[in-house]
């Protein structure tokens, strides 16, 4: 196995161009597990931990630029206000040691349907930045996941950053696992309300071959929600929202849970997330005039 360790983004892109089958590694929280269990044996590893640009975090043209190598710990500590759903999701990842190493870029690259950050990226309409020696391009998170563990990232490209819109309303994330920590999600859900555009965003994890949205639920809630005052929704409306979220799922039966349980859990999490969001909205989230 060849091990490459570029120190600049230009060198990293050249390495990926020369070795399109090379596997990028940053925190190694997923890749090293696959190597240790002999589930993957790549010819080339491209270590990105020395590339400074990938660890940058800060504002950029009205959005937050989150470098692909920024750790979950930094997200939890620094983005609780500016990206609350992603910060909540990052807080649920494994243990403190894993959060110190793991990254959103790695989560995107692995594209596991159960990845903790995917629902928040979908719900908040985040944008993924991809780069190669040919240049840079951006892909909305909602178009990034193509099929099981297949993404819009081309073989000569690296994930360099995620661009996060500034929140204008409440954002929530919920996850169900077989225990409180160090666990892969049985299923997960994220919700974002945008009072400026009067739209709703959702994201479902471990509910289909890819992370997915519940578009019918989004349209239903956008029409029913009181964007001016955030008044309480009827029980029937809340229940209908949960049912529409569950209907968007295409889960499987596996060792972590049954398909029926996953659908039930998604409906419950959706109703709870909506209740939390209504409360937060009335407490002072930015409103439409």
C-alpha atoms as a PDB file:
ATOM      1  CA  UNK A   1       0.000   0.000   0.000  1.00  0.00           C
ATOM      2  CA  UNK A   2       1.344   3.410  -0.988  1.00  0.00           C
ATOM      3  CA  UNK A   3       0.945   6.188   1.580  1.00  0.00           C
ATOM      4  CA  UNK A   4       0.895   9.800   0.373  1.00  0.00           C
ATOM      5  CA  UNK A   5       0.926  12.782   2.717  1.00  0.00           C
ATOM      6  CA  UNK A   6       0.492  16.072   0.827  1.00  0.00           C
ATOM      7  CA  UNK A   7       0.959  19.313   2.740  1.00  0.00           C
ATOM      8  CA  UNK A   8      -1.070  21.615   0.459  1.00  0.00           C
ATOM      9  CA  UNK A   9      -4.422  21.328  -1.235  1.00  0.00           C
ATOM     10  CA  UNK A  10      -2.759  21.580  -4.630  1.00  0.00           C
ATOM     11  CA  UNK A  11      -0.553  18.591  -3.802  1.00  0.00           C
ATOM     12  CA  UNK A  12      -3.573  16.673  -2.499  1.00  0.00           C
ATOM     13  CA  UNK A  13      -5.542  17.278  -5.694  1.00  0.00           C
ATOM     14  CA  UNK A  14      -2.570  16.241  -7.810  1.00  0.00           C
ATOM     15  CA  UNK A  15      -2.264  13.050  -5.743  1.00  0.00           C
ATOM     16  CA  UNK A  16      -5.945  12.258  -6.224  1.00  0.00           C
ATOM     17  CA  UNK A  17      -5.619  12.944  -9.967  1.00  0.00           C
ATOM     18  CA  UNK A  18      -2.651  10.587 -10.218  1.00  0.00           C
ATOM     19  CA  UNK A  19      -4.346   7.950  -8.020  1.00  0.00           C
ATOM     20  CA  UNK A  20      -8.116   8.182  -8.669  1.00  0.00           C
ATOM     21  CA  UNK A  21      -8.656   4.945  -6.738  1.00  0.00           C
ATOM     22  CA  UNK A  22      -6.683   6.311  -3.777  1.00  0.00           C
ATOM     23  CA  UNK A  23      -8.632   6.542  -0.509  1.00  0.00           C
ATOM     24  CA  UNK A  24      -8.515   9.896   1.311  1.00  0.00           C
ATOM     25  CA  UNK A  25      -8.000   9.674   5.058  1.00  0.00           C
ATOM     26  CA  UNK A  26      -8.284  12.485   7.598  1.00  0.00           C
ATOM     27  CA  UNK A  27      -9.472  11.358  11.026  1.00  0.00           C
ATOM     28  CA  UNK A  28      -9.472   7.699  10.029  1.00  0.00           C
ATOM     29  CA  UNK A  29     -12.474   6.841  12.200  1.00  0.00           C
ATOM     30  CA  UNK A  30     -14.138   4.943   9.340  1.00  0.00           C
ATOM     31  CA  UNK A  31     -11.254   4.073   7.034  1.00  0.00           C
ATOM     32  CA  UNK A  32      -9.077   2.506   9.745  1.00  0.00           C
ATOM     33  CA  UNK A  33     -11.944   0.291  10.903  1.00  0.00           C
ATOM     34  CA  UNK A  34     -12.344  -0.993   7.348  1.00  0.00           C
ATOM     35  CA  UNK A  35      -8.598  -1.581   7.057  1.00  0.00           C
ATOM     36  CA  UNK A  36      -8.343  -3.318  10.415  1.00  0.00           C
ATOM     37  CA  UNK A  37     -11.185  -5.691   9.562  1.00  0.00           C
ATOM     38  CA  UNK A  38      -9.808  -6.242   6.057  1.00  0.00           C
ATOM     39  CA  UNK A  39     -12.976  -4.868   4.449  1.00  0.00           C
ATOM     40  CA  UNK A  40     -10.928  -2.567   2.254  1.00  0.00           C
ATOM     41  CA  UNK A  41      -7.390  -2.845   0.940  1.00  0.00           C
ATOM     42  CA  UNK A  42      -6.697   0.198  -1.248  1.00  0.00           C
ATOM     43  CA  UNK A  43      -3.532   0.508  -3.270  1.00  0.00           C
ATOM     44  CA  UNK A  44      -3.067   4.087  -2.079  1.00  0.00           C
ATOM     45  CA  UNK A  45      -3.968   6.088   1.021  1.00  0.00           C
ATOM     46  CA  UNK A  46      -3.933   9.884   0.712  1.00  0.00           C
ATOM     47  CA  UNK A  47      -3.461  11.453   4.135  1.00  0.00           C
ATOM     48  CA  UNK A  48      -5.136  14.888   4.209  1.00  0.00           C
ATOM     49  CA  UNK A  49      -4.407  15.786   7.826  1.00  0.00           C
ATOM     50  CA  UNK A  50      -1.546  18.135   6.887  1.00  0.00           C
ATOM     51  CA  UNK A  51      -3.617  20.234   4.442  1.00  0.00           C
ATOM     52  CA  UNK A  52      -4.422  23.460   6.345  1.00  0.00           C
ATOM     53  CA  UNK A  53      -7.277  24.630   4.099  1.00  0.00           C
ATOM     54  CA  UNK A  54      -9.357  21.591   4.999  1.00  0.00           C
ATOM     55  CA  UNK A  55      -9.355  22.592   8.678  1.00  0.00           C
ATOM     56  CA  UNK A  56     -10.582  26.149   8.131  1.00  0.00           C
ATOM     57  CA  UNK A  57     -13.860  27.247   9.701  1.00  0.00           C
ATOM     58  CA  UNK A  58     -15.453  30.668   9.333  1.00  0.00           C
ATOM     59  CA  UNK A  59     -17.900  32.963   7.527  1.00  0.00           C
ATOM     60  CA  UNK A  60     -17.878  33.204   3.739  1.00  0.00           C
ATOM     61  CA  UNK A  61     -20.298  35.365   1.756  1.00  0.00           C
ATOM     62  CA  UNK A  62     -23.206  35.016   4.148  1.00  0.00           C
ATOM     63  CA  UNK A  63     -22.615  31.331   4.851  1.00  0.00           C
ATOM     64  CA  UNK A  64     -20.412  29.290   7.155  1.00  0.00           C
ATOM     65  CA  UNK A  65     -17.552  27.574   5.387  1.00  0.00           C
ATOM     66  CA  UNK A  66     -16.845  24.311   7.157  1.00  0.00           C
ATOM     67  CA  UNK A  67     -13.625  22.709   5.960  1.00  0.00           C
ATOM     68  CA  UNK A  68     -13.945  19.002   5.265  1.00  0.00           C
ATOM     69  CA  UNK A  69     -11.319  18.292   7.928  1.00  0.00           C
ATOM     70  CA  UNK A  70     -12.951  20.208  10.794  1.00  0.00           C
ATOM     71  CA  UNK A  71     -13.590  17.820  13.682  1.00  0.00           C
ATOM     72  CA  UNK A  72     -16.950  17.149  15.280  1.00  0.00           C
ATOM     73  CA  UNK A  73     -15.604  18.599  18.524  1.00  0.00           C
ATOM     74  CA  UNK A  74     -14.931  21.945  16.850  1.00  0.00           C
ATOM     75  CA  UNK A  75     -18.432  21.896  15.360  1.00  0.00           C
ATOM     76  CA  UNK A  76     -19.988  21.244  18.763  1.00  0.00           C
ATOM     77  CA  UNK A  77     -17.903  23.965  20.411  1.00  0.00           C
ATOM     78  CA  UNK A  78     -18.160  26.598  17.668  1.00  0.00           C
ATOM     79  CA  UNK A  79     -21.382  26.162  15.696  1.00  0.00           C
ATOM     80  CA  UNK A  80     -24.065  25.705  18.342  1.00  0.00           C
ATOM     81  CA  UNK A  81     -25.704  28.977  17.293  1.00  0.00           C
ATOM     82  CA  UNK A  82     -24.778  29.273  13.615  1.00  0.00           C
ATOM     83  CA  UNK A  83     -25.471  25.625  12.682  1.00  0.00           C
ATOM     84  CA  UNK A  84     -27.537  24.184  15.564  1.00  0.00           C
ATOM     85  CA  UNK A  85     -28.815  21.045  13.822  1.00  0.00           C
ATOM     86  CA  UNK A  86     -25.341  20.030  12.693  1.00  0.00           C
ATOM     87  CA  UNK A  87     -23.913  20.801  16.145  1.00  0.00           C
ATOM     88  CA  UNK A  88     -26.592  18.644  17.780  1.00  0.00           C
ATOM     89  CA  UNK A  89     -25.882  15.812  15.353  1.00  0.00           C
ATOM     90  CA  UNK A  90     -22.134  16.101  15.925  1.00  0.00           C
ATOM     91  CA  UNK A  91     -22.669  15.872  19.674  1.00  0.00           C
ATOM     92  CA  UNK A  92     -24.205  12.416  19.237  1.00  0.00           C
ATOM     93  CA  UNK A  93     -21.237  10.956  17.351  1.00  0.00           C
ATOM     94  CA  UNK A  94     -19.543   8.128  19.250  1.00  0.00           C
ATOM     95  CA  UNK A  95     -17.162   9.176  22.050  1.00  0.00           C
ATOM     96  CA  UNK A  96     -15.132  12.328  22.776  1.00  0.00           C
ATOM     97  CA  UNK A  97     -12.057  10.630  21.310  1.00  0.00           C
ATOM     98  CA  UNK A  98     -13.855   9.879  18.039  1.00  0.00           C
ATOM     99  CA  UNK A  99     -15.357  13.376  17.924  1.00  0.00           C
ATOM    100  CA  UNK A 100     -11.851  14.795  18.248  1.00  0.00           C
ATOM    101  CA  UNK A 101     -10.812  12.936  15.083  1.00  0.00           C
ATOM    102  CA  UNK A 102     -13.926  12.411  12.969  1.00  0.00           C
ATOM    103  CA  UNK A 103     -15.059  14.942  10.345  1.00  0.00           C
ATOM    104  CA  UNK A 104     -18.099  15.819   8.265  1.00  0.00           C
ATOM    105  CA  UNK A 105     -15.948  15.366   5.162  1.00  0.00           C
ATOM    106  CA  UNK A 106     -15.337  11.777   6.170  1.00  0.00           C
ATOM    107  CA  UNK A 107     -19.038  11.260   6.876  1.00  0.00           C
ATOM    108  CA  UNK A 108     -19.865  12.555   3.395  1.00  0.00           C
ATOM    109  CA  UNK A 109     -17.155  10.500   1.740  1.00  0.00           C
ATOM    110  CA  UNK A 110     -18.310   7.268   3.370  1.00  0.00           C
ATOM    111  CA  UNK A 111     -21.949   8.119   2.584  1.00  0.00           C
ATOM    112  CA  UNK A 112     -23.361   5.568   5.025  1.00  0.00           C
ATOM    113  CA  UNK A 113     -27.159   5.961   5.219  1.00  0.00           C
ATOM    114  CA  UNK A 114     -26.731   5.955   9.002  1.00  0.00           C
ATOM    115  CA  UNK A 115     -24.147   8.766   9.039  1.00  0.00           C
ATOM    116  CA  UNK A 116     -25.084  11.172  11.805  1.00  0.00           C
ATOM    117  CA  UNK A 117     -24.542  14.460   9.967  1.00  0.00           C
ATOM    118  CA  UNK A 118     -26.426  13.698   6.737  1.00  0.00           C
ATOM    119  CA  UNK A 119     -29.955  14.525   7.992  1.00  0.00           C
ATOM    120  CA  UNK A 120     -28.866  17.955   9.235  1.00  0.00           C
ATOM    121  CA  UNK A 121     -27.107  18.750   5.961  1.00  0.00           C
ATOM    122  CA  UNK A 122     -30.241  17.811   4.024  1.00  0.00           C
ATOM    123  CA  UNK A 123     -32.641  19.702   6.278  1.00  0.00           C
ATOM    124  CA  UNK A 124     -30.633  22.923   6.218  1.00  0.00           C
ATOM    125  CA  UNK A 125     -29.954  22.812   2.460  1.00  0.00           C
ATOM    126  CA  UNK A 126     -26.177  22.724   2.885  1.00  0.00           C
ATOM    127  CA  UNK A 127     -23.886  22.714  -0.140  1.00  0.00           C
ATOM    128  CA  UNK A 128     -20.908  20.391  -0.651  1.00  0.00           C
ATOM    129  CA  UNK A 129     -17.766  21.793  -2.287  1.00  0.00           C
ATOM    130  CA  UNK A 130     -15.761  19.406  -4.468  1.00  0.00           C
ATOM    131  CA  UNK A 131     -12.350  20.073  -5.993  1.00  0.00           C
ATOM    132  CA  UNK A 132      -9.978  18.495  -8.482  1.00  0.00           C
ATOM    133  CA  UNK A 133      -7.085  19.634 -10.656  1.00  0.00           C
ATOM    134  CA  UNK A 134      -9.814  20.773 -13.091  1.00  0.00           C
ATOM    135  CA  UNK A 135     -11.246  23.262 -10.604  1.00  0.00           C
ATOM    136  CA  UNK A 136     -13.953  23.515  -7.976  1.00  0.00           C
ATOM    137  CA  UNK A 137     -17.688  22.944  -8.110  1.00  0.00           C
ATOM    138  CA  UNK A 138     -20.538  22.831  -5.631  1.00  0.00           C
ATOM    139  CA  UNK A 139     -23.331  20.299  -5.238  1.00  0.00           C
ATOM    140  CA  UNK A 140     -26.358  20.819  -2.971  1.00  0.00           C
ATOM    141  CA  UNK A 141     -26.486  18.159  -0.263  1.00  0.00           C
ATOM    142  CA  UNK A 142     -29.939  17.290  -1.579  1.00  0.00           C
ATOM    143  CA  UNK A 143     -28.309  16.168  -4.848  1.00  0.00           C
ATOM    144  CA  UNK A 144     -25.152  14.643  -3.372  1.00  0.00           C
ATOM    145  CA  UNK A 145     -26.411  11.164  -2.393  1.00  0.00           C
ATOM    146  CA  UNK A 146     -27.029   9.051  -5.500  1.00  0.00           C
ATOM    147  CA  UNK A 147     -27.447   5.461  -4.282  1.00  0.00           C
ATOM    148  CA  UNK A 148     -26.131   3.214  -1.521  1.00  0.00           C
ATOM    149  CA  UNK A 149     -22.707   4.653  -0.622  1.00  0.00           C
ATOM    150  CA  UNK A 150     -22.510   6.355  -4.011  1.00  0.00           C
ATOM    151  CA  UNK A 151     -22.255  10.132  -4.221  1.00  0.00           C
ATOM    152  CA  UNK A 152     -21.834  12.907  -6.766  1.00  0.00           C
ATOM    153  CA  UNK A 153     -18.115  13.077  -5.929  1.00  0.00           C
ATOM    154  CA  UNK A 154     -16.106  12.035  -9.020  1.00  0.00           C
ATOM    155  CA  UNK A 155     -13.166   9.678  -8.743  1.00  0.00           C
ATOM    156  CA  UNK A 156     -10.568  12.450  -9.154  1.00  0.00           C
ATOM    157  CA  UNK A 157     -12.281  14.854  -6.725  1.00  0.00           C
ATOM    158  CA  UNK A 158     -11.880  15.558  -3.026  1.00  0.00           C
ATOM    159  CA  UNK A 159     -14.536  16.917  -0.690  1.00  0.00           C
ATOM    160  CA  UNK A 160     -13.022  20.214   0.446  1.00  0.00           C
ATOM    161  CA  UNK A 161     -15.787  21.976   2.396  1.00  0.00           C
ATOM    162  CA  UNK A 162     -19.440  22.222   3.319  1.00  0.00           C
ATOM    163  CA  UNK A 163     -21.206  25.571   2.978  1.00  0.00           C
ATOM    164  CA  UNK A 164     -23.864  26.085   5.644  1.00  0.00           C
ATOM    165  CA  UNK A 165     -26.613  28.714   5.317  1.00  0.00           C
ATOM    166  CA  UNK A 166     -27.107  30.993   8.298  1.00  0.00           C
ATOM    167  CA  UNK A 167     -30.169  29.765  10.227  1.00  0.00           C
ATOM    168  CA  UNK A 168     -33.240  31.995  10.254  1.00  0.00           C
ATOM    169  CA  UNK A 169     -35.399  29.729  12.397  1.00  0.00           C
ATOM    170  CA  UNK A 170     -35.274  26.689  14.679  1.00  0.00           C
ATOM    171  CA  UNK A 171     -33.263  23.605  13.759  1.00  0.00           C
ATOM    172  CA  UNK A 172     -33.546  20.207  15.441  1.00  0.00           C
ATOM    173  CA  UNK A 173     -31.846  16.821  15.333  1.00  0.00           C
ATOM    174  CA  UNK A 174     -32.928  13.573  16.985  1.00  0.00           C
ATOM    175  CA  UNK A 175     -31.406  10.113  16.914  1.00  0.00           C
ATOM    176  CA  UNK A 176     -32.446   6.723  18.238  1.00  0.00           C
ATOM    177  CA  UNK A 177     -29.884   4.047  19.031  1.00  0.00           C
ATOM    178  CA  UNK A 178     -29.644   0.926  21.136  1.00  0.00           C
ATOM    179  CA  UNK A 179     -27.842   2.936  23.823  1.00  0.00           C
ATOM    180  CA  UNK A 180     -27.007   6.585  24.538  1.00  0.00           C
ATOM    181  CA  UNK A 181     -23.476   6.716  23.099  1.00  0.00           C
ATOM    182  CA  UNK A 182     -20.976   4.806  20.951  1.00  0.00           C
ATOM    183  CA  UNK A 183     -23.797   3.594  18.756  1.00  0.00           C
ATOM    184  CA  UNK A 184     -24.808   3.608  15.105  1.00  0.00           C
ATOM    185  CA  UNK A 185     -28.220   5.201  14.615  1.00  0.00           C
ATOM    186  CA  UNK A 186     -31.204   2.913  14.319  1.00  0.00           C
ATOM    187  CA  UNK A 187     -32.691   5.944  12.613  1.00  0.00           C
ATOM    188  CA  UNK A 188     -32.379   9.727  12.875  1.00  0.00           C
ATOM    189  CA  UNK A 189     -34.255  12.864  11.879  1.00  0.00           C
ATOM    190  CA  UNK A 190     -33.532  16.559  11.381  1.00  0.00           C
ATOM    191  CA  UNK A 191     -35.924  19.491  10.954  1.00  0.00           C
ATOM    192  CA  UNK A 192     -35.256  23.103   9.953  1.00  0.00           C
ATOM    193  CA  UNK A 193     -37.759  25.959   9.675  1.00  0.00           C
ATOM    194  CA  UNK A 194     -36.949  28.951   7.464  1.00  0.00           C
ATOM    195  CA  UNK A 195     -39.357  31.823   8.205  1.00  0.00           C
ATOM    196  CA  UNK A 196     -37.734  34.060   5.579  1.00  0.00           C
ATOM    197  CA  UNK A 197     -38.797  31.779   2.742  1.00  0.00           C
ATOM    198  CA  UNK A 198     -41.573  30.058   4.720  1.00  0.00           C
ATOM    199  CA  UNK A 199     -40.152  26.660   3.869  1.00  0.00           C
ATOM    200  CA  UNK A 200     -39.435  23.506   5.844  1.00  0.00           C
ATOM    201  CA  UNK A 201     -36.425  21.210   5.540  1.00  0.00           C
ATOM    202  CA  UNK A 202     -36.191  17.601   6.683  1.00  0.00           C
ATOM    203  CA  UNK A 203     -33.548  14.887   6.678  1.00  0.00           C
ATOM    204  CA  UNK A 204     -33.893  11.173   7.493  1.00  0.00           C
ATOM    205  CA  UNK A 205     -30.983   8.890   8.367  1.00  0.00           C
ATOM    206  CA  UNK A 206     -30.809   5.072   8.376  1.00  0.00           C
ATOM    207  CA  UNK A 207     -34.209   5.088   6.715  1.00  0.00           C
ATOM    208  CA  UNK A 208     -33.413   4.264   3.061  1.00  0.00           C
ATOM    209  CA  UNK A 209     -30.444   3.268   0.873  1.00  0.00           C
ATOM    210  CA  UNK A 210     -29.378   6.916   1.051  1.00  0.00           C
ATOM    211  CA  UNK A 211     -30.128   9.787   3.418  1.00  0.00           C
ATOM    212  CA  UNK A 212     -33.458  11.220   2.228  1.00  0.00           C
ATOM    213  CA  UNK A 213     -35.899  14.076   2.696  1.00  0.00           C
ATOM    214  CA  UNK A 214     -39.609  13.854   3.439  1.00  0.00           C
ATOM    215  CA  UNK A 215     -40.741  16.288   0.752  1.00  0.00           C
ATOM    216  CA  UNK A 216     -44.480  15.708   1.196  1.00  0.00           C
ATOM    217  CA  UNK A 217     -44.098  16.392   4.915  1.00  0.00           C
ATOM    218  CA  UNK A 218     -42.145  19.577   4.165  1.00  0.00           C
ATOM    219  CA  UNK A 219     -44.854  20.906   1.858  1.00  0.00           C
ATOM    220  CA  UNK A 220     -47.623  19.980   4.298  1.00  0.00           C
ATOM    221  CA  UNK A 221     -46.000  21.692   7.282  1.00  0.00           C
ATOM    222  CA  UNK A 222     -45.028  24.798   5.292  1.00  0.00           C
ATOM    223  CA  UNK A 223     -48.704  25.284   4.452  1.00  0.00           C
ATOM    224  CA  UNK A 224     -49.975  24.574   7.980  1.00  0.00           C
ATOM    225  CA  UNK A 225     -47.378  26.402  10.097  1.00  0.00           C
ATOM    226  CA  UNK A 226     -48.169  29.824  11.575  1.00  0.00           C
ATOM    227  CA  UNK A 227     -45.151  31.697  10.258  1.00  0.00           C
ATOM    228  CA  UNK A 228     -46.172  34.957  11.923  1.00  0.00           C
ATOM    229  CA  UNK A 229     -46.616  33.884  15.542  1.00  0.00           C
ATOM    230  CA  UNK A 230     -45.724  30.194  15.743  1.00  0.00           C
ATOM    231  CA  UNK A 231     -49.018  29.309  17.408  1.00  0.00           C
ATOM    232  CA  UNK A 232     -49.586  25.722  18.506  1.00  0.00           C
ATOM    233  CA  UNK A 233     -50.532  23.266  15.801  1.00  0.00           C
ATOM    234  CA  UNK A 234     -53.477  20.946  16.200  1.00  0.00           C
ATOM    235  CA  UNK A 235     -52.839  17.396  17.328  1.00  0.00           C
ATOM    236  CA  UNK A 236     -54.111  16.154  13.970  1.00  0.00           C
ATOM    237  CA  UNK A 237     -51.610  18.358  12.115  1.00  0.00           C
ATOM    238  CA  UNK A 238     -48.683  17.211  14.234  1.00  0.00           C
ATOM    239  CA  UNK A 239     -49.661  13.577  13.812  1.00  0.00           C
ATOM    240  CA  UNK A 240     -50.106  13.991  10.062  1.00  0.00           C
ATOM    241  CA  UNK A 241     -46.640  15.519   9.809  1.00  0.00           C
ATOM    242  CA  UNK A 242     -45.156  12.525  11.630  1.00  0.00           C
ATOM    243  CA  UNK A 243     -47.010  10.095   9.394  1.00  0.00           C
ATOM    244  CA  UNK A 244     -45.764  11.860   6.245  1.00  0.00           C
ATOM    245  CA  UNK A 245     -42.183  11.731   7.516  1.00  0.00           C
ATOM    246  CA  UNK A 246     -42.494   8.000   8.185  1.00  0.00           C
ATOM    247  CA  UNK A 247     -44.012   7.395   4.757  1.00  0.00           C
ATOM    248  CA  UNK A 248     -40.883   8.844   3.105  1.00  0.00           C
ATOM    249  CA  UNK A 249     -38.732   6.088   4.640  1.00  0.00           C
ATOM    250  CA  UNK A 250     -37.731   2.879   2.876  1.00  0.00           C
ATOM    251  CA  UNK A 251     -35.986   1.102   5.750  1.00  0.00           C
ATOM    252  CA  UNK A 252     -34.767  -2.458   6.079  1.00  0.00           C
ATOM    253  CA  UNK A 253     -34.840  -5.062   8.830  1.00  0.00           C
ATOM    254  CA  UNK A 254     -31.390  -5.592  10.329  1.00  0.00           C
ATOM    255  CA  UNK A 255     -29.668  -6.353  13.618  1.00  0.00           C
ATOM    256  CA  UNK A 256     -30.292  -2.826  14.930  1.00  0.00           C
ATOM    257  CA  UNK A 257     -34.023  -2.662  14.283  1.00  0.00           C
ATOM    258  CA  UNK A 258     -36.921  -3.656  12.104  1.00  0.00           C
ATOM    259  CA  UNK A 259     -38.319  -1.603   9.229  1.00  0.00           C
ATOM    260  CA  UNK A 260     -41.603  -1.161  11.104  1.00  0.00           C
ATOM    261  CA  UNK A 261     -39.818   0.075  14.207  1.00  0.00           C
ATOM    262  CA  UNK A 262     -37.788   2.554  12.183  1.00  0.00           C
ATOM    263  CA  UNK A 263     -40.932   4.017  10.617  1.00  0.00           C
ATOM    264  CA  UNK A 264     -42.607   4.264  14.021  1.00  0.00           C
ATOM    265  CA  UNK A 265     -39.513   5.921  15.515  1.00  0.00           C
ATOM    266  CA  UNK A 266     -39.311   8.447  12.681  1.00  0.00           C
ATOM    267  CA  UNK A 267     -42.923   9.475  13.213  1.00  0.00           C
ATOM    268  CA  UNK A 268     -42.301   9.948  16.934  1.00  0.00           C
ATOM    269  CA  UNK A 269     -39.066  11.916  16.400  1.00  0.00           C
ATOM    270  CA  UNK A 270     -40.732  14.117  13.772  1.00  0.00           C
ATOM    271  CA  UNK A 271     -43.573  15.003  16.127  1.00  0.00           C
ATOM    272  CA  UNK A 272     -41.142  15.766  18.948  1.00  0.00           C
ATOM    273  CA  UNK A 273     -38.871  17.836  16.728  1.00  0.00           C
ATOM    274  CA  UNK A 274     -41.866  19.831  15.530  1.00  0.00           C
ATOM    275  CA  UNK A 275     -43.005  20.450  19.103  1.00  0.00           C
ATOM    276  CA  UNK A 276     -39.518  21.651  20.090  1.00  0.00           C
ATOM    277  CA  UNK A 277     -39.384  23.872  17.017  1.00  0.00           C
ATOM    278  CA  UNK A 278     -42.724  25.533  17.742  1.00  0.00           C
ATOM    279  CA  UNK A 279     -41.546  26.300  21.274  1.00  0.00           C
ATOM    280  CA  UNK A 280     -38.233  27.718  20.030  1.00  0.00           C
ATOM    281  CA  UNK A 281     -40.024  29.735  17.359  1.00  0.00           C
ATOM    282  CA  UNK A 282     -42.185  31.488  19.926  1.00  0.00           C
ATOM    283  CA  UNK A 283     -39.128  32.139  22.123  1.00  0.00           C
ATOM    284  CA  UNK A 284     -37.540  34.366  19.534  1.00  0.00           C
ATOM    285  CA  UNK A 285     -36.550  32.748  16.261  1.00  0.00           C
ATOM    286  CA  UNK A 286     -36.426  35.225  13.380  1.00  0.00           C
ATOM    287  CA  UNK A 287     -39.917  35.752  12.010  1.00  0.00           C
ATOM    288  CA  UNK A 288     -41.470  36.833   8.741  1.00  0.00           C
ATOM    289  CA  UNK A 289     -43.245  40.174   8.807  1.00  0.00           C
END
